[in-house]
Amino acid sequence: MRKKRGFTLLEVLVAMTILVGGIVVVASAWSGNFLRIRKATLYNNVALLLERKTTELTAKFTGKPLSEVIDEDGDFGSELPQYRWTFTTKEFEMPDLTPILIGKDTGPKDDMFLGFIKQTQEFISKSIKEGTVTVFVKSGKKEVPFAVTTYFIDYTQELSLPGMPGGAGGGALGGGAKKPGGG
């Protein structure tokens, strides 16, 4: 009699264990990749929506007085119901640069230079308004915010410096003097 050639039960169980292990590894890698693709798609959509809304608001408020740059909110329509946006503004606060510009070892402080620094900081603070666009994404029961900040600049602000022609305090032309040739 001939012996039948085949696999023993133990060999079949070992092969099945290896096969199941391979399937589990491939399935978890596929699942991880699927989650990464979903996350990348979400981040891409948010980046595009932030760019779109920031561009719209910049076009809307460019060239207008800073007092007209106001808070707004809205959504992206029925095509993107899971997304909404807000635009919040606040006055720009210029940090005090006096300690950096004067230093500790400079001897007596120059009042004119300190006045110049203070007026420049006030001018910059009045000339700039900070605006933050936030896109919210509904993810299950919570909303996840993504934000970008931009600055609106009023180029029509007058810089008035003491000791300079046309500045406060008169300068070389004297207090209240008019510029030669009119004005």
Protein backbone atom coordinates (compact mmCIF):
# COMPACT_ATOMS: atom_id res chain seq x y z
CA MET A 1 0.00 0.00 0.00
CA ARG A 2 1.05 3.47 -0.79
CA LYS A 3 1.19 6.11 1.82
CA LYS A 4 -0.91 9.11 1.12
CA ARG A 5 1.06 12.30 1.09
CA GLY A 6 -0.58 15.23 2.84
CA PHE A 7 -0.31 17.64 5.71
CA THR A 8 -0.66 16.73 9.29
CA LEU A 9 -3.10 18.55 11.51
CA LEU A 10 -0.24 20.34 13.25
CA GLU A 11 1.16 21.63 9.95
CA VAL A 12 -2.24 22.94 8.92
CA LEU A 13 -2.70 24.73 12.27
CA VAL A 14 0.75 26.37 12.00
CA ALA A 15 0.01 27.51 8.42
CA MET A 16 -3.37 28.90 9.46
CA THR A 17 -1.77 30.78 12.37
CA ILE A 18 0.79 32.34 10.04
CA LEU A 19 -1.93 33.24 7.52
CA VAL A 20 -4.18 34.82 10.17
CA GLY A 21 -1.21 36.76 11.60
CA GLY A 22 -0.39 38.09 8.13
CA ILE A 23 -4.01 39.11 7.53
CA VAL A 24 -4.13 40.92 10.89
CA VAL A 25 -0.91 42.85 10.10
CA VAL A 26 -2.17 43.84 6.64
CA ALA A 27 -5.60 44.82 8.00
CA SER A 28 -4.12 47.00 10.76
CA ALA A 29 -1.75 48.65 8.28
CA TRP A 30 -4.69 49.29 5.95
CA SER A 31 -6.76 50.70 8.80
CA GLY A 32 -3.88 52.96 9.90
CA ASN A 33 -3.41 54.20 6.35
CA PHE A 34 -7.13 54.81 6.00
CA LEU A 35 -7.12 56.95 9.17
CA ARG A 36 -4.06 58.87 7.92
CA ILE A 37 -5.77 59.52 4.59
CA ARG A 38 -8.92 60.78 6.37
CA LYS A 39 -6.83 63.04 8.61
CA ALA A 40 -4.82 64.38 5.66
CA THR A 41 -8.06 65.09 3.76
CA LEU A 42 -9.47 66.92 6.77
CA TYR A 43 -6.31 69.03 7.20
CA ASN A 44 -6.25 69.80 3.48
CA ASN A 45 -9.91 70.90 3.52
CA VAL A 46 -9.35 73.07 6.59
CA ALA A 47 -6.25 74.69 5.06
CA LEU A 48 -8.15 75.47 1.85
CA LEU A 49 -11.14 76.87 3.75
CA LEU A 50 -8.90 79.00 5.99
CA GLU A 51 -7.08 80.35 2.95
CA ARG A 52 -10.34 81.02 1.11
CA LYS A 53 -12.00 82.84 4.01
CA THR A 54 -8.84 84.83 4.87
CA THR A 55 -8.54 85.93 1.24
CA GLU A 56 -12.22 86.94 1.12
CA LEU A 57 -11.95 88.97 4.32
CA THR A 58 -8.67 90.58 3.27
CA ALA A 59 -10.24 91.65 -0.03
CA LYS A 60 -13.31 92.93 1.79
CA PHE A 61 -11.45 95.04 4.38
CA THR A 62 -8.35 96.18 2.47
CA GLY A 63 -8.28 99.95 2.06
CA LYS A 64 -11.02 100.52 4.64
CA PRO A 65 -10.54 102.24 7.99
CA LEU A 66 -9.68 99.86 10.81
CA SER A 67 -12.94 100.79 12.55
CA GLU A 68 -14.81 98.99 9.73
CA VAL A 69 -12.90 95.72 10.28
CA ILE A 70 -15.45 93.93 12.46
CA ASP A 71 -16.20 90.46 13.82
CA GLU A 72 -18.19 88.10 11.59
CA ASP A 73 -19.20 84.46 11.44
CA GLY A 74 -20.89 82.04 9.09
CA ASP A 75 -20.78 78.65 7.42
CA PHE A 76 -19.62 77.27 4.11
CA GLY A 77 -23.04 76.38 2.75
CA SER A 78 -24.84 73.10 2.23
CA GLU A 79 -21.86 71.54 0.43
CA LEU A 80 -19.78 71.58 3.62
CA PRO A 81 -22.24 71.36 6.52
CA GLN A 82 -19.64 70.06 9.00
CA TYR A 83 -17.58 73.28 8.73
CA ARG A 84 -18.27 76.78 10.08
CA TRP A 85 -16.09 79.88 10.53
CA THR A 86 -15.65 82.92 12.76
CA PHE A 87 -13.64 86.09 12.28
CA THR A 88 -12.64 87.91 15.45
CA THR A 89 -10.69 91.14 15.69
CA LYS A 90 -8.77 92.89 18.40
CA GLU A 91 -6.61 95.94 18.69
CA PHE A 92 -2.93 95.30 18.07
CA GLU A 93 -0.82 95.85 21.18
CA MET A 94 2.73 96.83 20.35
CA PRO A 95 5.09 95.44 22.99
CA ASP A 96 7.24 97.88 24.96
CA LEU A 97 10.62 97.85 23.21
CA THR A 98 12.23 100.49 25.46
CA PRO A 99 14.32 98.04 27.54
CA ILE A 100 15.66 96.40 24.38
CA LEU A 101 16.45 99.63 22.54
CA ILE A 102 17.88 101.57 25.49
CA GLY A 103 19.79 98.80 27.25
CA LYS A 104 21.06 98.78 30.83
CA ASP A 105 24.53 100.26 30.43
CA THR A 106 23.75 103.36 28.37
CA GLY A 107 24.04 106.02 31.07
CA PRO A 108 21.41 108.76 31.30
CA LYS A 109 18.25 108.10 29.31
CA ASP A 110 17.57 110.42 26.40
CA ASP A 111 14.05 111.82 26.90
CA MET A 112 13.66 112.66 23.22
CA PHE A 113 14.59 109.13 22.18
CA LEU A 114 12.21 107.64 24.77
CA GLY A 115 9.45 109.94 23.49
CA PHE A 116 10.18 108.83 19.94
CA ILE A 117 9.93 105.16 20.95
CA LYS A 118 6.67 105.73 22.81
CA GLN A 119 5.06 107.64 19.94
CA THR A 120 6.22 105.05 17.42
CA GLN A 121 4.70 102.27 19.52
CA GLU A 122 1.42 104.19 19.81
CA PHE A 123 1.44 104.87 16.06
CA ILE A 124 1.97 101.20 15.25
CA SER A 125 -0.73 100.14 17.73
CA LYS A 126 -3.24 102.56 16.13
CA SER A 127 -2.26 101.56 12.57
CA ILE A 128 -2.65 97.77 12.90
CA LYS A 129 -5.62 95.56 13.75
CA GLU A 130 -5.32 91.84 14.36
CA GLY A 131 -7.88 89.49 12.80
CA THR A 132 -8.20 85.76 13.47
CA VAL A 133 -10.10 83.43 11.15
CA THR A 134 -11.15 80.20 12.84
CA VAL A 135 -12.63 77.22 11.01
CA PHE A 136 -14.51 74.73 13.18
CA VAL A 137 -14.92 71.11 12.08
CA LYS A 138 -17.66 68.92 13.56
CA SER A 139 -16.03 65.64 14.42
CA GLY A 140 -18.54 63.39 16.12
CA LYS A 141 -19.94 65.26 19.12
CA LYS A 142 -17.20 67.89 19.36
CA GLU A 143 -15.97 70.77 17.23
CA VAL A 144 -12.28 71.06 16.50
CA PRO A 145 -10.98 74.62 15.85
CA PHE A 146 -8.24 75.56 13.38
CA ALA A 147 -7.16 79.21 13.27
CA VAL A 148 -4.96 81.61 11.34
CA THR A 149 -4.17 85.23 12.26
CA THR A 150 -3.69 88.11 9.85
CA TYR A 151 -3.08 91.82 10.29
CA PHE A 152 -4.83 94.77 8.68
CA ILE A 153 -2.78 97.94 8.31
CA ASP A 154 -4.11 101.47 7.95
CA TYR A 155 -1.55 103.17 5.72
CA THR A 156 -3.30 106.54 6.03
CA GLN A 157 -2.36 107.10 9.69
CA GLU A 158 -0.25 110.22 10.26
CA LEU A 159 2.98 109.78 12.20
CA SER A 160 3.53 112.88 14.30
CA LEU A 161 6.92 113.14 16.00
CA PRO A 162 8.17 116.01 18.16
CA GLY A 163 11.09 117.92 16.74
CA MET A 164 10.24 116.91 13.16
CA PRO A 165 8.74 119.24 10.55
CA GLY A 166 4.96 118.93 10.79
CA GLY A 167 5.22 116.93 14.02
CA ALA A 168 3.84 117.72 17.45
CA GLY A 169 5.87 120.36 19.20
CA GLY A 170 6.63 122.16 15.99
CA GLY A 171 10.23 121.14 15.38
CA ALA A 172 12.29 123.26 13.02
CA LEU A 173 9.27 125.19 11.77
CA GLY A 174 8.14 126.16 15.26
CA GLY A 175 4.82 125.43 16.94
CA GLY A 176 1.92 126.01 14.60
CA ALA A 177 4.07 127.23 11.71
CA LYS A 178 2.96 126.30 8.20
CA LYS A 179 5.10 124.54 5.68
CA PRO A 180 6.58 126.80 2.99
CA GLY A 181 4.51 126.82 -0.17
CA GLY A 182 1.08 126.36 1.42
CA GLY A 183 -0.62 124.04 3.80
